[in-house]
């Protein structure tokens, strides 16, 4: 028996919520490679969620989707709660990323100055040596 669409939507949203929390941990640990991989996973789940919504919308007018509970308000509340949690984590992630980006912006001029200073200590690789073999 197929699972009700609301349950499937909730499960996908729950996975997105978990990924959002994992992304926050990646930002805090500065694991940006892992963060990007989680973004890809999240895109896949968002696509899956979009397909579920389209599936529900494409049902004929005389077919009513069976909900996970008899009370549709429960389903709506559960979905709304998970979506709000995702949004809350995303706002925190955005703030953390903004802080990291600001720190990088502040560090870039110092790195450029250090690179110029280091360049002054380099010796030329082309020393142009000459050997007089006649003498």
Protein backbone atom coordinates (compact mmCIF):
# COMPACT_ATOMS: atom_id res chain seq x y z
CA UNK A 1 0.00 0.00 0.00
CA UNK A 2 1.34 3.41 -0.96
CA UNK A 3 2.11 5.87 1.78
CA UNK A 4 -0.08 8.97 1.89
CA UNK A 5 1.35 12.04 0.17
CA UNK A 6 1.33 14.13 3.35
CA UNK A 7 3.48 11.51 5.07
CA UNK A 8 5.89 11.43 2.13
CA UNK A 9 6.09 15.23 2.13
CA UNK A 10 6.71 15.27 5.87
CA UNK A 11 9.49 12.66 5.55
CA UNK A 12 11.25 14.68 2.82
CA UNK A 13 10.89 17.89 4.82
CA UNK A 14 12.29 16.13 7.88
CA UNK A 15 15.34 15.05 5.87
CA UNK A 16 15.80 18.64 4.69
CA UNK A 17 15.54 19.79 8.32
CA UNK A 18 18.24 17.30 9.34
CA UNK A 19 20.47 18.46 6.47
CA UNK A 20 19.98 22.06 7.54
CA UNK A 21 21.19 21.20 11.04
CA UNK A 22 24.15 19.31 9.60
CA UNK A 23 24.99 22.32 7.43
CA UNK A 24 25.09 24.51 10.52
CA UNK A 25 27.61 22.13 12.10
CA UNK A 26 29.70 22.20 8.93
CA UNK A 27 29.79 25.99 8.97
CA UNK A 28 30.81 26.03 12.62
CA UNK A 29 33.61 23.51 11.93
CA UNK A 30 34.55 25.30 8.69
CA UNK A 31 33.98 22.15 6.63
CA UNK A 32 32.89 24.02 3.52
CA UNK A 33 33.40 21.05 1.20
CA UNK A 34 30.98 18.98 3.25
CA UNK A 35 28.61 21.97 3.41
CA UNK A 36 28.53 22.13 -0.40
CA UNK A 37 27.89 18.37 -0.61
CA UNK A 38 24.95 18.78 1.77
CA UNK A 39 23.61 21.56 -0.44
CA UNK A 40 23.59 19.12 -3.37
CA UNK A 41 21.72 16.54 -1.28
CA UNK A 42 19.28 19.22 -0.26
CA UNK A 43 18.66 20.22 -3.88
CA UNK A 44 17.82 16.60 -4.66
CA UNK A 45 15.35 16.47 -1.77
CA UNK A 46 13.76 19.77 -2.81
CA UNK A 47 13.28 18.35 -6.29
CA UNK A 48 11.70 15.24 -4.78
CA UNK A 49 9.38 17.41 -2.69
CA UNK A 50 8.42 19.41 -5.75
CA UNK A 51 7.55 16.18 -7.56
CA UNK A 52 5.33 15.12 -4.62
CA UNK A 53 3.51 18.45 -4.70
CA UNK A 54 3.01 18.14 -8.46
CA UNK A 55 1.80 14.57 -7.99
CA UNK A 56 -0.81 15.75 -5.51
CA UNK A 57 -1.83 18.62 -7.78
CA UNK A 58 -2.17 16.32 -10.77
CA UNK A 59 -4.76 14.07 -9.16
CA UNK A 60 -8.12 14.09 -10.93
CA UNK A 61 -10.76 16.30 -9.36
CA UNK A 62 -12.81 13.30 -8.26
CA UNK A 63 -9.88 11.82 -6.28
CA UNK A 64 -9.07 13.06 -2.80
CA UNK A 65 -5.60 12.20 -1.47
CA UNK A 66 -5.70 10.05 1.65
CA UNK A 67 -4.05 11.83 4.53
CA UNK A 68 -1.88 10.23 7.20
CA UNK A 69 -4.46 11.19 9.81
CA UNK A 70 -8.17 11.77 9.72
CA UNK A 71 -7.53 15.32 10.89
CA UNK A 72 -6.05 17.29 7.99
CA UNK A 73 -5.21 20.09 10.41
CA UNK A 74 -2.69 17.77 12.11
CA UNK A 75 -0.91 17.18 8.80
CA UNK A 76 -0.85 20.87 8.04
CA UNK A 77 0.49 21.68 11.50
CA UNK A 78 3.20 19.02 11.27
CA UNK A 79 4.32 20.22 7.83
CA UNK A 80 4.24 23.85 8.97
CA UNK A 81 6.33 23.06 12.07
CA UNK A 82 9.02 21.32 10.05
CA UNK A 83 9.09 24.10 7.45
CA UNK A 84 9.47 26.72 10.20
CA UNK A 85 12.33 24.71 11.70
CA UNK A 86 14.05 24.56 8.32
CA UNK A 87 13.66 28.30 7.86
CA UNK A 88 15.03 28.98 11.34
CA UNK A 89 18.12 26.86 10.69
CA UNK A 90 18.57 28.48 7.29
CA UNK A 91 18.50 31.95 8.86
CA UNK A 92 21.13 30.88 11.39
CA UNK A 93 23.23 29.34 8.62
CA UNK A 94 22.97 32.51 6.58
CA UNK A 95 24.12 34.61 9.55
CA UNK A 96 27.04 32.25 10.23
CA UNK A 97 28.10 32.32 6.59
CA UNK A 98 27.87 36.12 6.54
CA UNK A 99 30.19 36.25 9.58
CA UNK A 100 32.67 33.92 7.89
CA UNK A 101 32.57 35.96 4.67
CA UNK A 102 33.19 39.19 6.61
CA UNK A 103 36.19 37.60 8.33
CA UNK A 104 37.53 36.57 4.92
CA UNK A 105 37.00 40.09 3.53
CA UNK A 106 38.95 41.51 6.46
CA UNK A 107 41.78 39.01 6.00
CA UNK A 108 42.24 39.43 2.22
CA UNK A 109 44.03 42.82 2.37
CA UNK A 110 46.45 41.45 4.99
CA UNK A 111 47.18 38.44 2.78
CA UNK A 112 47.82 40.68 -0.22
CA UNK A 113 50.18 42.85 1.86
CA UNK A 114 52.01 39.73 3.07
CA UNK A 115 52.36 38.48 -0.51
CA UNK A 116 53.90 41.82 -1.56
CA UNK A 117 56.28 41.70 1.41
CA UNK A 118 57.33 38.13 0.58
CA UNK A 119 57.93 39.10 -3.04
CA UNK A 120 60.60 41.56 -1.87
CA UNK A 121 62.62 38.71 -0.37
CA UNK A 122 62.63 36.55 -3.48
CA UNK A 123 65.74 36.28 -5.57
CA UNK A 124 65.60 36.27 -9.30
CA UNK A 125 65.74 32.77 -10.76
CA UNK A 126 67.66 34.09 -13.78
CA UNK A 127 71.04 35.04 -12.27
CA UNK A 128 72.76 35.11 -15.66
CA UNK A 129 75.96 33.37 -14.69
CA UNK A 130 78.98 33.55 -17.02
CA UNK A 131 82.04 31.34 -17.09
CA UNK A 132 85.25 32.50 -18.79
CA UNK A 133 87.00 29.38 -20.09
CA UNK A 134 89.72 31.18 -21.97
CA UNK A 135 91.86 32.07 -19.00
